Amino acid sequence: MKIVIAGGHGKIALRLTRRLAARGDTVVGIVRNPRHVDDIRRAGGDAVVLDLEHATVEEVAATLAGADAAVFSAGSGNSATAERRDRMDRAAVVLVMDAAEKAGVRRFLHVSSINVGCADDRGIGEGYSVYLRAKRAAEQHIFTRDTLDWTVLRPGVLTDGRGDGTVELTPGKEVGPKTARFDQVAREDVAAVLVALLDRPDTARRIYVVVGGKTPIEQAVDA
C-alpha cells in the first residue's frame, strides 16, 4: 500500500511510518518544516514539504496521487493560538479530505481525541476546550463525507512508553461522552492500531476509542 500521512513528523506519525515501512508499504509524510525530512527518511518513509495552513487542494491532491489511504495525524501544538488551532485541527482536516476526494483516495483515517465530546466543559481549561472544539468540528465534517471510507480513532492521553501491543478498543459515538477521561495509551500502540485499521476495510465509517488495556491489538480490532 501507499499511505500518505498529514503531519508526518508527529510522534504517532513517525511510529506509524516505521511500522508501515518495515513491512514494505510506501509511506509519504507531509511536513511543514524542511528540517524534518531526514527524520522521516530515517523512519523509512519519504517526505513532501507542504504547509497545510496555506496549501491548496490541488497541491495536497498531487501529494495524494496514487495513494491507497490518507492518515491525518497533524496537530496545532500545545502553545497554539485559537486561530491556529482552527486552521490546523479543523480546516486542515477539511483540506486533506477535499484533496483525497480530488485524488480519488477513498480511505481516510483521522486521529482525534478521547475527550472530543467535552469541548464545552469549562472545567478542563480554555486552551484544551479550544483544541477540542476544533477537533469536534473536524469530526463533524468527516461524518458528512459519503465519498470517503473514513475511520476516526480517539486515543486517550498519549505517552511515549514502549507500548505492549495490548489495548482497550471500544466503539465511539458521533457525540462523545461529556465526562472527560484521562486514561493513558502509548503512542506506539496507537500507531499499531492505525496499521490494523488500515488493513481492515470493514472498519470504515466507524469511530473507535483506544486506551491502554489487556487485549492484543489484532484481537481488539477484529472484535
C-alpha atoms as a PDB file:
ATOM      1  CA  MET A   1       0.000   0.000   0.000  1.00  0.00           C
ATOM      2  CA  LYS A   2       0.918   3.635  -0.383  1.00  0.00           C
ATOM      3  CA  ILE A   3      -0.021   5.693   2.659  1.00  0.00           C
ATOM      4  CA  VAL A   4       0.195   9.487   2.914  1.00  0.00           C
ATOM      5  CA  ILE A   5       0.393  10.892   6.447  1.00  0.00           C
ATOM      6  CA  ALA A   6      -0.519  14.515   7.107  1.00  0.00           C
ATOM      7  CA  GLY A   7       1.641  15.667   9.992  1.00  0.00           C
ATOM      8  CA  GLY A   8       4.332  13.180   9.079  1.00  0.00           C
ATOM      9  CA  HIS A   9       6.815  14.324  11.721  1.00  0.00           C
ATOM     10  CA  GLY A  10       4.446  13.851  14.638  1.00  0.00           C
ATOM     11  CA  LYS A  11       5.229  11.333  17.344  1.00  0.00           C
ATOM     12  CA  ILE A  12       2.441   8.964  16.271  1.00  0.00           C
ATOM     13  CA  ALA A  13       3.174   9.537  12.584  1.00  0.00           C
ATOM     14  CA  LEU A  14       6.856   8.606  12.830  1.00  0.00           C
ATOM     15  CA  ARG A  15       5.971   5.430  14.696  1.00  0.00           C
ATOM     16  CA  LEU A  16       3.337   4.624  12.090  1.00  0.00           C
ATOM     17  CA  THR A  17       5.858   5.260   9.311  1.00  0.00           C
ATOM     18  CA  ARG A  18       8.355   2.831  10.842  1.00  0.00           C
ATOM     19  CA  ARG A  19       5.733   0.121  11.160  1.00  0.00           C
ATOM     20  CA  LEU A  20       4.393   0.512   7.634  1.00  0.00           C
ATOM     21  CA  ALA A  21       7.822   0.816   6.016  1.00  0.00           C
ATOM     22  CA  ALA A  22       9.097  -2.240   7.894  1.00  0.00           C
ATOM     23  CA  ARG A  23       6.500  -4.410   6.219  1.00  0.00           C
ATOM     24  CA  GLY A  24       7.111  -2.963   2.767  1.00  0.00           C
ATOM     25  CA  ASP A  25       4.494  -0.235   2.402  1.00  0.00           C
ATOM     26  CA  THR A  26       5.298   3.071   0.736  1.00  0.00           C
ATOM     27  CA  VAL A  27       4.882   5.972   3.155  1.00  0.00           C
ATOM     28  CA  VAL A  28       4.870   9.684   2.353  1.00  0.00           C
ATOM     29  CA  GLY A  29       4.805  12.189   5.194  1.00  0.00           C
ATOM     30  CA  ILE A  30       3.575  15.740   4.666  1.00  0.00           C
ATOM     31  CA  VAL A  31       5.665  18.148   6.746  1.00  0.00           C
ATOM     32  CA  ARG A  32       5.868  21.917   7.070  1.00  0.00           C
ATOM     33  CA  ASN A  33       9.498  22.132   8.169  1.00  0.00           C
ATOM     34  CA  PRO A  34      12.173  21.026   5.669  1.00  0.00           C
ATOM     35  CA  ARG A  35      14.419  20.071   8.593  1.00  0.00           C
ATOM     36  CA  HIS A  36      12.038  17.214   9.382  1.00  0.00           C
ATOM     37  CA  VAL A  37      12.530  15.451   6.051  1.00  0.00           C
ATOM     38  CA  ASP A  38      15.583  13.481   7.192  1.00  0.00           C
ATOM     39  CA  ASP A  39      13.766  12.165  10.267  1.00  0.00           C
ATOM     40  CA  ILE A  40      11.019  10.732   8.074  1.00  0.00           C
ATOM     41  CA  ARG A  41      13.553   9.180   5.743  1.00  0.00           C
ATOM     42  CA  ARG A  42      15.325   7.578   8.683  1.00  0.00           C
ATOM     43  CA  ALA A  43      11.970   6.100   9.692  1.00  0.00           C
ATOM     44  CA  GLY A  44      11.683   4.508   6.243  1.00  0.00           C
ATOM     45  CA  GLY A  45       9.385   6.950   4.502  1.00  0.00           C
ATOM     46  CA  ASP A  46       9.623   9.798   2.037  1.00  0.00           C
ATOM     47  CA  ALA A  47       8.559  13.373   2.686  1.00  0.00           C
ATOM     48  CA  VAL A  48       6.841  16.247   0.922  1.00  0.00           C
ATOM     49  CA  VAL A  49       7.284  19.760   2.295  1.00  0.00           C
ATOM     50  CA  LEU A  50       3.867  21.417   2.309  1.00  0.00           C
ATOM     51  CA  ASP A  51       2.308  23.832   4.790  1.00  0.00           C
ATOM     52  CA  LEU A  52      -1.248  22.639   5.344  1.00  0.00           C
ATOM     53  CA  GLU A  53      -2.210  26.037   6.741  1.00  0.00           C
ATOM     54  CA  HIS A  54      -1.627  27.636   3.348  1.00  0.00           C
ATOM     55  CA  ALA A  55      -1.613  24.819   0.778  1.00  0.00           C
ATOM     56  CA  THR A  56      -4.235  24.497  -1.937  1.00  0.00           C
ATOM     57  CA  VAL A  57      -6.418  21.485  -2.558  1.00  0.00           C
ATOM     58  CA  GLU A  58      -4.553  20.899  -5.816  1.00  0.00           C
ATOM     59  CA  GLU A  59      -1.168  20.836  -4.061  1.00  0.00           C
ATOM     60  CA  VAL A  60      -2.313  18.316  -1.473  1.00  0.00           C
ATOM     61  CA  ALA A  61      -4.100  16.229  -4.101  1.00  0.00           C
ATOM     62  CA  ALA A  62      -0.852  15.986  -6.079  1.00  0.00           C
ATOM     63  CA  THR A  63       0.828  14.515  -2.998  1.00  0.00           C
ATOM     64  CA  LEU A  64      -2.038  12.056  -2.559  1.00  0.00           C
ATOM     65  CA  ALA A  65      -1.992  10.885  -6.179  1.00  0.00           C
ATOM     66  CA  GLY A  66      -1.781   7.100  -6.352  1.00  0.00           C
ATOM     67  CA  ALA A  67      -2.215   6.598  -2.616  1.00  0.00           C
ATOM     68  CA  ASP A  68      -4.347   3.845  -1.109  1.00  0.00           C
ATOM     69  CA  ALA A  69      -5.096   5.804   2.063  1.00  0.00           C
ATOM     70  CA  ALA A  70      -4.551   9.102   3.846  1.00  0.00           C
ATOM     71  CA  VAL A  71      -3.963   9.439   7.588  1.00  0.00           C
ATOM     72  CA  PHE A  72      -4.464  12.789   9.301  1.00  0.00           C
ATOM     73  CA  SER A  73      -2.171  12.977  12.317  1.00  0.00           C
ATOM     74  CA  ALA A  74      -1.210  16.643  12.247  1.00  0.00           C
ATOM     75  CA  GLY A  75      -1.740  18.976  15.173  1.00  0.00           C
ATOM     76  CA  SER A  76      -1.527  22.623  16.142  1.00  0.00           C
ATOM     77  CA  GLY A  77       0.822  22.141  19.099  1.00  0.00           C
ATOM     78  CA  ASN A  78       0.394  22.802  22.798  1.00  0.00           C
ATOM     79  CA  SER A  79       1.039  26.564  22.650  1.00  0.00           C
ATOM     80  CA  ALA A  80      -1.045  27.335  19.571  1.00  0.00           C
ATOM     81  CA  THR A  81      -3.413  30.272  19.414  1.00  0.00           C
ATOM     82  CA  ALA A  82      -7.122  29.699  18.914  1.00  0.00           C
ATOM     83  CA  GLU A  83      -6.769  30.825  15.302  1.00  0.00           C
ATOM     84  CA  ARG A  84      -4.003  28.316  14.592  1.00  0.00           C
ATOM     85  CA  ARG A  85      -5.902  25.516  16.303  1.00  0.00           C
ATOM     86  CA  ASP A  86      -8.799  26.165  13.960  1.00  0.00           C
ATOM     87  CA  ARG A  87      -6.527  26.240  10.899  1.00  0.00           C
ATOM     88  CA  MET A  88      -4.706  23.011  11.766  1.00  0.00           C
ATOM     89  CA  ASP A  89      -7.138  20.968  13.835  1.00  0.00           C
ATOM     90  CA  ARG A  90     -10.208  21.709  11.717  1.00  0.00           C
ATOM     91  CA  ALA A  91      -9.523  23.476   8.413  1.00  0.00           C
ATOM     92  CA  ALA A  92      -6.503  21.347   7.513  1.00  0.00           C
ATOM     93  CA  VAL A  93      -8.597  18.205   8.019  1.00  0.00           C
ATOM     94  CA  VAL A  94     -11.174  19.545   5.581  1.00  0.00           C
ATOM     95  CA  LEU A  95      -8.394  20.438   3.156  1.00  0.00           C
ATOM     96  CA  VAL A  96      -6.925  16.928   3.195  1.00  0.00           C
ATOM     97  CA  MET A  97     -10.368  15.374   2.772  1.00  0.00           C
ATOM     98  CA  ASP A  98     -11.100  17.644  -0.188  1.00  0.00           C
ATOM     99  CA  ALA A  99      -7.747  16.696  -1.677  1.00  0.00           C
ATOM    100  CA  ALA A 100      -8.385  12.992  -1.089  1.00  0.00           C
ATOM    101  CA  GLU A 101     -11.664  13.264  -2.958  1.00  0.00           C
ATOM    102  CA  LYS A 102      -9.978  15.112  -5.807  1.00  0.00           C
ATOM    103  CA  ALA A 103      -7.197  12.491  -5.987  1.00  0.00           C
ATOM    104  CA  GLY A 104      -9.621   9.570  -5.811  1.00  0.00           C
ATOM    105  CA  VAL A 105      -8.360   8.320  -2.442  1.00  0.00           C
ATOM    106  CA  ARG A 106     -11.311   6.900  -0.532  1.00  0.00           C
ATOM    107  CA  ARG A 107      -9.680   5.584   2.658  1.00  0.00           C
ATOM    108  CA  PHE A 108      -9.183   8.279   5.296  1.00  0.00           C
ATOM    109  CA  LEU A 109      -8.104   7.783   8.910  1.00  0.00           C
ATOM    110  CA  HIS A 110      -8.286  10.619  11.407  1.00  0.00           C
ATOM    111  CA  VAL A 111      -6.531  10.768  14.775  1.00  0.00           C
ATOM    112  CA  SER A 112      -8.824  12.693  17.118  1.00  0.00           C
ATOM    113  CA  SER A 113      -9.145  12.790  20.931  1.00  0.00           C
ATOM    114  CA  ILE A 114     -10.924  10.721  23.561  1.00  0.00           C
ATOM    115  CA  ASN A 115     -12.375  13.928  25.022  1.00  0.00           C
ATOM    116  CA  VAL A 116     -13.742  15.448  21.835  1.00  0.00           C
ATOM    117  CA  GLY A 117     -17.235  15.388  23.352  1.00  0.00           C
ATOM    118  CA  CYS A 118     -16.107  17.525  26.300  1.00  0.00           C
ATOM    119  CA  ALA A 119     -15.280  20.622  24.276  1.00  0.00           C
ATOM    120  CA  ASP A 120     -17.845  22.761  26.118  1.00  0.00           C
ATOM    121  CA  ASP A 121     -16.750  21.709  29.616  1.00  0.00           C
ATOM    122  CA  ARG A 122     -15.173  24.835  31.094  1.00  0.00           C
ATOM    123  CA  GLY A 123     -13.696  22.782  33.899  1.00  0.00           C
ATOM    124  CA  ILE A 124     -10.999  21.379  31.615  1.00  0.00           C
ATOM    125  CA  GLY A 125      -9.444  24.754  30.822  1.00  0.00           C
ATOM    126  CA  GLU A 126      -9.962  27.172  27.966  1.00  0.00           C
ATOM    127  CA  GLY A 127      -6.901  26.120  25.970  1.00  0.00           C
ATOM    128  CA  TYR A 128      -7.928  22.466  25.959  1.00  0.00           C
ATOM    129  CA  SER A 129     -11.532  23.422  25.212  1.00  0.00           C
ATOM    130  CA  VAL A 130     -10.473  25.418  22.142  1.00  0.00           C
ATOM    131  CA  TYR A 131      -8.462  22.447  20.915  1.00  0.00           C
ATOM    132  CA  LEU A 132     -11.361  20.038  21.456  1.00  0.00           C
ATOM    133  CA  ARG A 133     -13.837  22.356  19.730  1.00  0.00           C
ATOM    134  CA  ALA A 134     -11.637  22.372  16.648  1.00  0.00           C
ATOM    135  CA  LYS A 135     -11.306  18.581  16.779  1.00  0.00           C
ATOM    136  CA  ARG A 136     -15.061  18.219  17.222  1.00  0.00           C
ATOM    137  CA  ALA A 137     -15.735  20.492  14.247  1.00  0.00           C
ATOM    138  CA  ALA A 138     -13.321  18.416  12.158  1.00  0.00           C
ATOM    139  CA  GLU A 139     -15.157  15.246  13.098  1.00  0.00           C
ATOM    140  CA  GLN A 140     -18.475  16.811  12.149  1.00  0.00           C
ATOM    141  CA  HIS A 141     -17.061  17.487   8.686  1.00  0.00           C
ATOM    142  CA  ILE A 142     -15.793  13.914   8.461  1.00  0.00           C
ATOM    143  CA  PHE A 143     -19.169  12.406   9.274  1.00  0.00           C
ATOM    144  CA  THR A 144     -20.748  14.138   6.265  1.00  0.00           C
ATOM    145  CA  ARG A 145     -18.281  12.686   3.725  1.00  0.00           C
ATOM    146  CA  ASP A 146     -20.159   9.968   1.878  1.00  0.00           C
ATOM    147  CA  THR A 147     -17.383   9.795  -0.722  1.00  0.00           C
ATOM    148  CA  LEU A 148     -14.741   8.758   1.837  1.00  0.00           C
ATOM    149  CA  ASP A 149     -14.284   5.493   3.723  1.00  0.00           C
ATOM    150  CA  TRP A 150     -13.345   7.278   6.917  1.00  0.00           C
ATOM    151  CA  THR A 151     -12.413   5.928  10.317  1.00  0.00           C
ATOM    152  CA  VAL A 152     -11.997   8.129  13.401  1.00  0.00           C
ATOM    153  CA  LEU A 153      -9.644   6.988  16.158  1.00  0.00           C
ATOM    154  CA  ARG A 154      -9.911   8.758  19.515  1.00  0.00           C
ATOM    155  CA  PRO A 155      -6.886   7.930  21.674  1.00  0.00           C
ATOM    156  CA  GLY A 156      -6.581   8.643  25.370  1.00  0.00           C
ATOM    157  CA  VAL A 157      -3.803  10.677  26.939  1.00  0.00           C
ATOM    158  CA  LEU A 158      -0.719   9.915  24.874  1.00  0.00           C
ATOM    159  CA  THR A 159       2.531   8.683  26.380  1.00  0.00           C
ATOM    160  CA  ASP A 160       5.939   7.855  24.942  1.00  0.00           C
ATOM    161  CA  GLY A 161       6.053   4.420  26.542  1.00  0.00           C
ATOM    162  CA  ARG A 162       7.251   1.454  24.518  1.00  0.00           C
ATOM    163  CA  GLY A 163       3.764   0.021  24.176  1.00  0.00           C
ATOM    164  CA  ASP A 164       2.980  -3.578  24.949  1.00  0.00           C
ATOM    165  CA  GLY A 165       0.763  -4.443  21.990  1.00  0.00           C
ATOM    166  CA  THR A 166      -2.409  -4.578  24.050  1.00  0.00           C
ATOM    167  CA  VAL A 167      -5.193  -2.000  24.316  1.00  0.00           C
ATOM    168  CA  GLU A 168      -8.805  -1.416  25.213  1.00  0.00           C
ATOM    169  CA  LEU A 169     -10.620  -0.555  21.970  1.00  0.00           C
ATOM    170  CA  THR A 170     -14.281   0.391  22.159  1.00  0.00           C
ATOM    171  CA  PRO A 171     -16.819   1.832  19.694  1.00  0.00           C
ATOM    172  CA  GLY A 172     -17.406   5.568  19.921  1.00  0.00           C
ATOM    173  CA  LYS A 173     -20.469   7.639  19.132  1.00  0.00           C
ATOM    174  CA  GLU A 174     -20.618  10.718  16.913  1.00  0.00           C
ATOM    175  CA  VAL A 175     -21.202  12.792  20.029  1.00  0.00           C
ATOM    176  CA  GLY A 176     -18.581  11.702  22.524  1.00  0.00           C
ATOM    177  CA  PRO A 177     -19.118  11.396  26.288  1.00  0.00           C
ATOM    178  CA  LYS A 178     -19.426  14.647  28.207  1.00  0.00           C
ATOM    179  CA  THR A 179     -17.244  13.473  31.089  1.00  0.00           C
ATOM    180  CA  ALA A 180     -13.537  13.885  30.461  1.00  0.00           C
ATOM    181  CA  ARG A 181     -11.363  10.775  30.574  1.00  0.00           C
ATOM    182  CA  PHE A 182      -7.644  10.735  31.210  1.00  0.00           C
ATOM    183  CA  ASP A 183      -6.847   7.075  30.563  1.00  0.00           C
ATOM    184  CA  GLN A 184      -3.404   6.754  29.025  1.00  0.00           C
ATOM    185  CA  VAL A 185      -2.248   4.941  25.904  1.00  0.00           C
ATOM    186  CA  ALA A 186       1.213   4.626  24.391  1.00  0.00           C
ATOM    187  CA  ARG A 187       1.752   6.295  21.034  1.00  0.00           C
ATOM    188  CA  GLU A 188       3.409   3.077  19.876  1.00  0.00           C
ATOM    189  CA  ASP A 189       0.177   1.188  20.489  1.00  0.00           C
ATOM    190  CA  VAL A 190      -1.876   3.901  18.749  1.00  0.00           C
ATOM    191  CA  ALA A 191       0.361   3.503  15.687  1.00  0.00           C
ATOM    192  CA  ALA A 192      -0.165  -0.255  15.777  1.00  0.00           C
ATOM    193  CA  VAL A 193      -3.934   0.228  15.949  1.00  0.00           C
ATOM    194  CA  LEU A 194      -3.787   2.541  12.927  1.00  0.00           C
ATOM    195  CA  VAL A 195      -1.957  -0.165  10.954  1.00  0.00           C
ATOM    196  CA  ALA A 196      -4.632  -2.683  11.902  1.00  0.00           C
ATOM    197  CA  LEU A 197      -7.406  -0.290  10.882  1.00  0.00           C
ATOM    198  CA  LEU A 198      -5.736   0.352   7.528  1.00  0.00           C
ATOM    199  CA  ASP A 199      -5.704  -3.398   6.907  1.00  0.00           C
ATOM    200  CA  ARG A 200      -9.415  -3.802   7.597  1.00  0.00           C
ATOM    201  CA  PRO A 201     -11.787  -2.096   5.149  1.00  0.00           C
ATOM    202  CA  ASP A 202     -14.737  -3.125   7.330  1.00  0.00           C
ATOM    203  CA  THR A 203     -13.664  -0.566   9.953  1.00  0.00           C
ATOM    204  CA  ALA A 204     -14.713   2.251   7.625  1.00  0.00           C
ATOM    205  CA  ARG A 205     -17.393   4.673   8.841  1.00  0.00           C
ATOM    206  CA  ARG A 206     -16.718   3.749  12.441  1.00  0.00           C
ATOM    207  CA  ILE A 207     -15.409   5.588  15.484  1.00  0.00           C
ATOM    208  CA  TYR A 208     -13.064   3.914  17.948  1.00  0.00           C
ATOM    209  CA  VAL A 209     -11.761   4.932  21.373  1.00  0.00           C
ATOM    210  CA  VAL A 210      -8.389   3.461  22.325  1.00  0.00           C
ATOM    211  CA  VAL A 211      -6.704   3.433  25.727  1.00  0.00           C
ATOM    212  CA  GLY A 212      -4.275   1.123  27.422  1.00  0.00           C
ATOM    213  CA  GLY A 213      -5.675  -2.329  28.093  1.00  0.00           C
ATOM    214  CA  LYS A 214      -5.060  -6.052  28.073  1.00  0.00           C
ATOM    215  CA  THR A 215      -6.442  -7.169  24.699  1.00  0.00           C
ATOM    216  CA  PRO A 216      -3.936  -7.850  21.896  1.00  0.00           C
ATOM    217  CA  ILE A 217      -4.368  -5.198  19.210  1.00  0.00           C
ATOM    218  CA  GLU A 218      -5.249  -7.537  16.342  1.00  0.00           C
ATOM    219  CA  GLN A 219      -7.851  -9.236  18.502  1.00  0.00           C
ATOM    220  CA  ALA A 220      -9.231  -5.900  19.724  1.00  0.00           C
ATOM    221  CA  VAL A 221      -9.721  -4.615  16.162  1.00  0.00           C
ATOM    222  CA  ASP A 222     -11.210  -7.879  14.939  1.00  0.00           C
ATOM    223  CA  ALA A 223     -13.731  -7.778  17.770  1.00  0.00           C
END
